[in-house]
Amino acid sequence: MPEQSLDTMERDDLLCCVRRHSFMMTDLALYLDSHPTDSDALAKFIEHRDLYQQYADAFAARFGALRKDQVSTAEGWLKKQ
């Protein structure tokens, strides 16, 4: 769970969290490619995936889309970074 409210985090802090969880998902996915039955690694992957989604959605709501699937209107392209 986040240490502070997502509503009060600064842009750079949110982006750092997004990147951290994205890296962990990539790292764990590579590990799971060769160890597909490791339930602990799968649980960690799911945990980081959920946190990544939470931080990415909070970032997009406040600062604009990070991914193409987060854009639903022109406003998604227009938010100031």
N, C-alpha and C. Protein backbone atom coordinates (compact mmCIF):
# COMPACT_ATOMS: atom_id res chain seq x y z
N MET A 1 0.83 -1.18 0.00
CA MET A 1 0.00 0.00 0.00
C MET A 1 0.88 1.24 0.00
N PRO A 2 0.47 2.28 -0.65
CA PRO A 2 1.28 3.50 -0.68
C PRO A 2 1.47 4.07 0.72
N GLU A 3 2.64 4.69 0.93
CA GLU A 3 2.94 5.27 2.22
C GLU A 3 2.19 6.57 2.45
N GLN A 4 1.87 7.29 1.40
CA GLN A 4 1.12 8.53 1.52
C GLN A 4 0.01 8.53 0.48
N SER A 5 -0.93 9.41 0.66
CA SER A 5 -2.06 9.47 -0.25
C SER A 5 -1.59 9.79 -1.67
N LEU A 6 -2.16 9.08 -2.62
CA LEU A 6 -1.81 9.33 -4.02
C LEU A 6 -2.21 10.74 -4.44
N ASP A 7 -3.21 11.30 -3.78
CA ASP A 7 -3.68 12.65 -4.12
C ASP A 7 -2.69 13.73 -3.72
N THR A 8 -1.79 13.43 -2.80
CA THR A 8 -0.86 14.46 -2.33
C THR A 8 0.57 14.25 -2.84
N MET A 9 0.81 13.17 -3.54
CA MET A 9 2.16 12.91 -4.05
C MET A 9 2.50 13.87 -5.18
N GLU A 10 3.73 14.28 -5.25
CA GLU A 10 4.21 15.14 -6.33
C GLU A 10 4.37 14.32 -7.61
N ARG A 11 4.42 15.02 -8.74
CA ARG A 11 4.55 14.37 -10.05
C ARG A 11 5.74 13.42 -10.10
N ASP A 12 6.91 13.90 -9.71
CA ASP A 12 8.12 13.07 -9.79
C ASP A 12 8.05 11.86 -8.87
N ASP A 13 7.43 12.00 -7.71
CA ASP A 13 7.29 10.87 -6.79
C ASP A 13 6.36 9.80 -7.37
N LEU A 14 5.25 10.24 -7.95
CA LEU A 14 4.33 9.29 -8.59
C LEU A 14 5.01 8.57 -9.75
N LEU A 15 5.71 9.33 -10.58
CA LEU A 15 6.39 8.74 -11.73
C LEU A 15 7.46 7.75 -11.29
N CYS A 16 8.16 8.06 -10.21
CA CYS A 16 9.16 7.14 -9.67
C CYS A 16 8.51 5.83 -9.24
N CYS A 17 7.36 5.91 -8.61
CA CYS A 17 6.64 4.70 -8.18
C CYS A 17 6.18 3.88 -9.38
N VAL A 18 5.68 4.56 -10.41
CA VAL A 18 5.26 3.87 -11.63
C VAL A 18 6.45 3.12 -12.22
N ARG A 19 7.56 3.78 -12.33
CA ARG A 19 8.76 3.16 -12.93
C ARG A 19 9.27 2.01 -12.07
N ARG A 20 9.25 2.17 -10.75
CA ARG A 20 9.72 1.12 -9.85
C ARG A 20 8.90 -0.16 -10.04
N HIS A 21 7.59 -0.02 -10.07
CA HIS A 21 6.74 -1.20 -10.19
C HIS A 21 6.78 -1.77 -11.61
N SER A 22 6.96 -0.93 -12.60
CA SER A 22 7.13 -1.41 -13.97
C SER A 22 8.39 -2.25 -14.09
N PHE A 23 9.48 -1.77 -13.50
CA PHE A 23 10.73 -2.53 -13.52
C PHE A 23 10.56 -3.88 -12.83
N MET A 24 9.91 -3.87 -11.67
CA MET A 24 9.73 -5.13 -10.94
C MET A 24 8.87 -6.11 -11.72
N MET A 25 7.85 -5.60 -12.42
CA MET A 25 7.03 -6.48 -13.25
C MET A 25 7.86 -7.11 -14.37
N THR A 26 8.69 -6.32 -15.00
CA THR A 26 9.55 -6.84 -16.08
C THR A 26 10.52 -7.87 -15.53
N ASP A 27 11.16 -7.56 -14.42
CA ASP A 27 12.13 -8.46 -13.81
C ASP A 27 11.47 -9.78 -13.41
N LEU A 28 10.33 -9.68 -12.76
CA LEU A 28 9.63 -10.90 -12.33
C LEU A 28 9.09 -11.70 -13.52
N ALA A 29 8.65 -11.01 -14.57
CA ALA A 29 8.17 -11.72 -15.76
C ALA A 29 9.30 -12.52 -16.40
N LEU A 30 10.49 -11.95 -16.45
CA LEU A 30 11.64 -12.69 -16.99
C LEU A 30 11.95 -13.91 -16.14
N TYR A 31 11.89 -13.75 -14.83
CA TYR A 31 12.13 -14.87 -13.93
C TYR A 31 11.05 -15.95 -14.11
N LEU A 32 9.79 -15.51 -14.20
CA LEU A 32 8.69 -16.46 -14.34
C LEU A 32 8.72 -17.21 -15.67
N ASP A 33 9.36 -16.63 -16.69
CA ASP A 33 9.52 -17.34 -17.96
C ASP A 33 10.28 -18.65 -17.77
N SER A 34 11.24 -18.67 -16.85
CA SER A 34 12.03 -19.88 -16.61
C SER A 34 11.64 -20.62 -15.33
N HIS A 35 10.76 -20.02 -14.53
CA HIS A 35 10.30 -20.64 -13.29
C HIS A 35 8.78 -20.46 -13.15
N PRO A 36 8.01 -21.00 -14.09
CA PRO A 36 6.57 -20.71 -14.14
C PRO A 36 5.77 -21.26 -12.96
N THR A 37 6.33 -22.17 -12.20
CA THR A 37 5.58 -22.74 -11.08
C THR A 37 5.93 -22.09 -9.74
N ASP A 38 6.73 -21.05 -9.75
CA ASP A 38 7.12 -20.36 -8.52
C ASP A 38 5.97 -19.47 -8.06
N SER A 39 5.18 -19.97 -7.12
CA SER A 39 4.00 -19.24 -6.68
C SER A 39 4.34 -17.96 -5.92
N ASP A 40 5.48 -17.93 -5.24
CA ASP A 40 5.88 -16.70 -4.55
C ASP A 40 6.20 -15.59 -5.54
N ALA A 41 6.91 -15.94 -6.60
CA ALA A 41 7.24 -14.95 -7.64
C ALA A 41 5.98 -14.47 -8.33
N LEU A 42 5.05 -15.37 -8.59
CA LEU A 42 3.79 -14.97 -9.22
C LEU A 42 3.01 -14.03 -8.32
N ALA A 43 2.99 -14.31 -7.03
CA ALA A 43 2.30 -13.43 -6.08
C ALA A 43 2.93 -12.04 -6.06
N LYS A 44 4.26 -11.99 -6.11
CA LYS A 44 4.96 -10.70 -6.13
C LYS A 44 4.67 -9.96 -7.43
N PHE A 45 4.63 -10.70 -8.55
CA PHE A 45 4.30 -10.07 -9.82
C PHE A 45 2.92 -9.44 -9.76
N ILE A 46 1.94 -10.16 -9.24
CA ILE A 46 0.57 -9.64 -9.15
C ILE A 46 0.52 -8.42 -8.23
N GLU A 47 1.26 -8.46 -7.13
CA GLU A 47 1.31 -7.33 -6.21
C GLU A 47 1.85 -6.08 -6.91
N HIS A 48 2.97 -6.24 -7.63
CA HIS A 48 3.57 -5.11 -8.33
C HIS A 48 2.69 -4.65 -9.49
N ARG A 49 2.01 -5.57 -10.16
CA ARG A 49 1.09 -5.19 -11.24
C ARG A 49 -0.04 -4.31 -10.71
N ASP A 50 -0.59 -4.72 -9.57
CA ASP A 50 -1.70 -3.95 -8.99
C ASP A 50 -1.23 -2.57 -8.54
N LEU A 51 -0.05 -2.49 -7.92
CA LEU A 51 0.49 -1.20 -7.49
C LEU A 51 0.84 -0.33 -8.69
N TYR A 52 1.41 -0.94 -9.74
CA TYR A 52 1.72 -0.20 -10.97
C TYR A 52 0.44 0.45 -11.51
N GLN A 53 -0.62 -0.35 -11.59
CA GLN A 53 -1.88 0.17 -12.13
C GLN A 53 -2.41 1.31 -11.27
N GLN A 54 -2.32 1.16 -9.96
CA GLN A 54 -2.81 2.18 -9.03
C GLN A 54 -2.04 3.50 -9.22
N TYR A 55 -0.71 3.42 -9.26
CA TYR A 55 0.10 4.62 -9.42
C TYR A 55 -0.06 5.22 -10.82
N ALA A 56 -0.11 4.38 -11.84
CA ALA A 56 -0.26 4.88 -13.21
C ALA A 56 -1.60 5.59 -13.40
N ASP A 57 -2.66 5.04 -12.82
CA ASP A 57 -3.96 5.68 -12.93
C ASP A 57 -3.99 7.01 -12.17
N ALA A 58 -3.36 7.04 -10.99
CA ALA A 58 -3.31 8.29 -10.22
C ALA A 58 -2.51 9.35 -10.98
N PHE A 59 -1.40 8.94 -11.59
CA PHE A 59 -0.60 9.87 -12.37
C PHE A 59 -1.41 10.42 -13.55
N ALA A 60 -2.07 9.54 -14.28
CA ALA A 60 -2.84 9.95 -15.45
C ALA A 60 -3.97 10.90 -15.08
N ALA A 61 -4.61 10.66 -13.96
CA ALA A 61 -5.71 11.52 -13.54
C ALA A 61 -5.24 12.94 -13.22
N ARG A 62 -4.04 13.06 -12.71
CA ARG A 62 -3.55 14.38 -12.30
C ARG A 62 -2.67 15.06 -13.33
N PHE A 63 -1.88 14.28 -14.08
CA PHE A 63 -0.85 14.89 -14.93
C PHE A 63 -0.95 14.52 -16.40
N GLY A 64 -1.83 13.62 -16.76
CA GLY A 64 -1.96 13.21 -18.16
C GLY A 64 -1.55 11.76 -18.35
N ALA A 65 -1.91 11.24 -19.48
CA ALA A 65 -1.72 9.82 -19.77
C ALA A 65 -0.25 9.42 -19.83
N LEU A 66 0.02 8.25 -19.31
CA LEU A 66 1.34 7.63 -19.45
C LEU A 66 1.33 6.60 -20.58
N ARG A 67 0.16 6.02 -20.80
CA ARG A 67 0.01 4.97 -21.80
C ARG A 67 -1.13 5.32 -22.74
N LYS A 68 -1.10 4.77 -23.93
CA LYS A 68 -2.13 5.05 -24.92
C LYS A 68 -3.52 4.63 -24.44
N ASP A 69 -3.59 3.58 -23.66
CA ASP A 69 -4.91 3.11 -23.22
C ASP A 69 -5.53 4.00 -22.14
N GLN A 70 -4.81 5.00 -21.67
CA GLN A 70 -5.33 5.93 -20.68
C GLN A 70 -5.93 7.18 -21.31
N VAL A 71 -5.88 7.29 -22.62
CA VAL A 71 -6.41 8.47 -23.31
C VAL A 71 -7.78 8.13 -23.87
N SER A 72 -8.78 8.90 -23.44
CA SER A 72 -10.12 8.68 -23.97
C SER A 72 -10.70 9.94 -24.61
N THR A 73 -10.05 11.09 -24.36
CA THR A 73 -10.49 12.36 -24.95
C THR A 73 -9.27 13.17 -25.32
N ALA A 74 -9.49 14.26 -26.01
CA ALA A 74 -8.38 15.15 -26.37
C ALA A 74 -7.70 15.70 -25.12
N GLU A 75 -8.47 15.81 -24.03
CA GLU A 75 -7.89 16.34 -22.79
C GLU A 75 -6.69 15.50 -22.34
N GLY A 76 -6.73 14.20 -22.60
CA GLY A 76 -5.61 13.33 -22.22
C GLY A 76 -4.30 13.73 -22.87
N TRP A 77 -4.39 14.33 -24.07
CA TRP A 77 -3.19 14.79 -24.77
C TRP A 77 -2.79 16.20 -24.35
N LEU A 78 -3.73 16.95 -23.82
CA LEU A 78 -3.50 18.37 -23.58
C LEU A 78 -3.02 18.72 -22.18
N LYS A 79 -3.09 17.81 -21.22
CA LYS A 79 -2.67 18.16 -19.86
C LYS A 79 -1.21 18.56 -19.85
N LYS A 80 -0.93 19.64 -19.14
CA LYS A 80 0.45 20.14 -19.03
C LYS A 80 1.27 19.20 -18.18
N GLN A 81 2.47 18.94 -18.60
CA GLN A 81 3.36 18.06 -17.86
C GLN A 81 4.20 18.85 -16.94
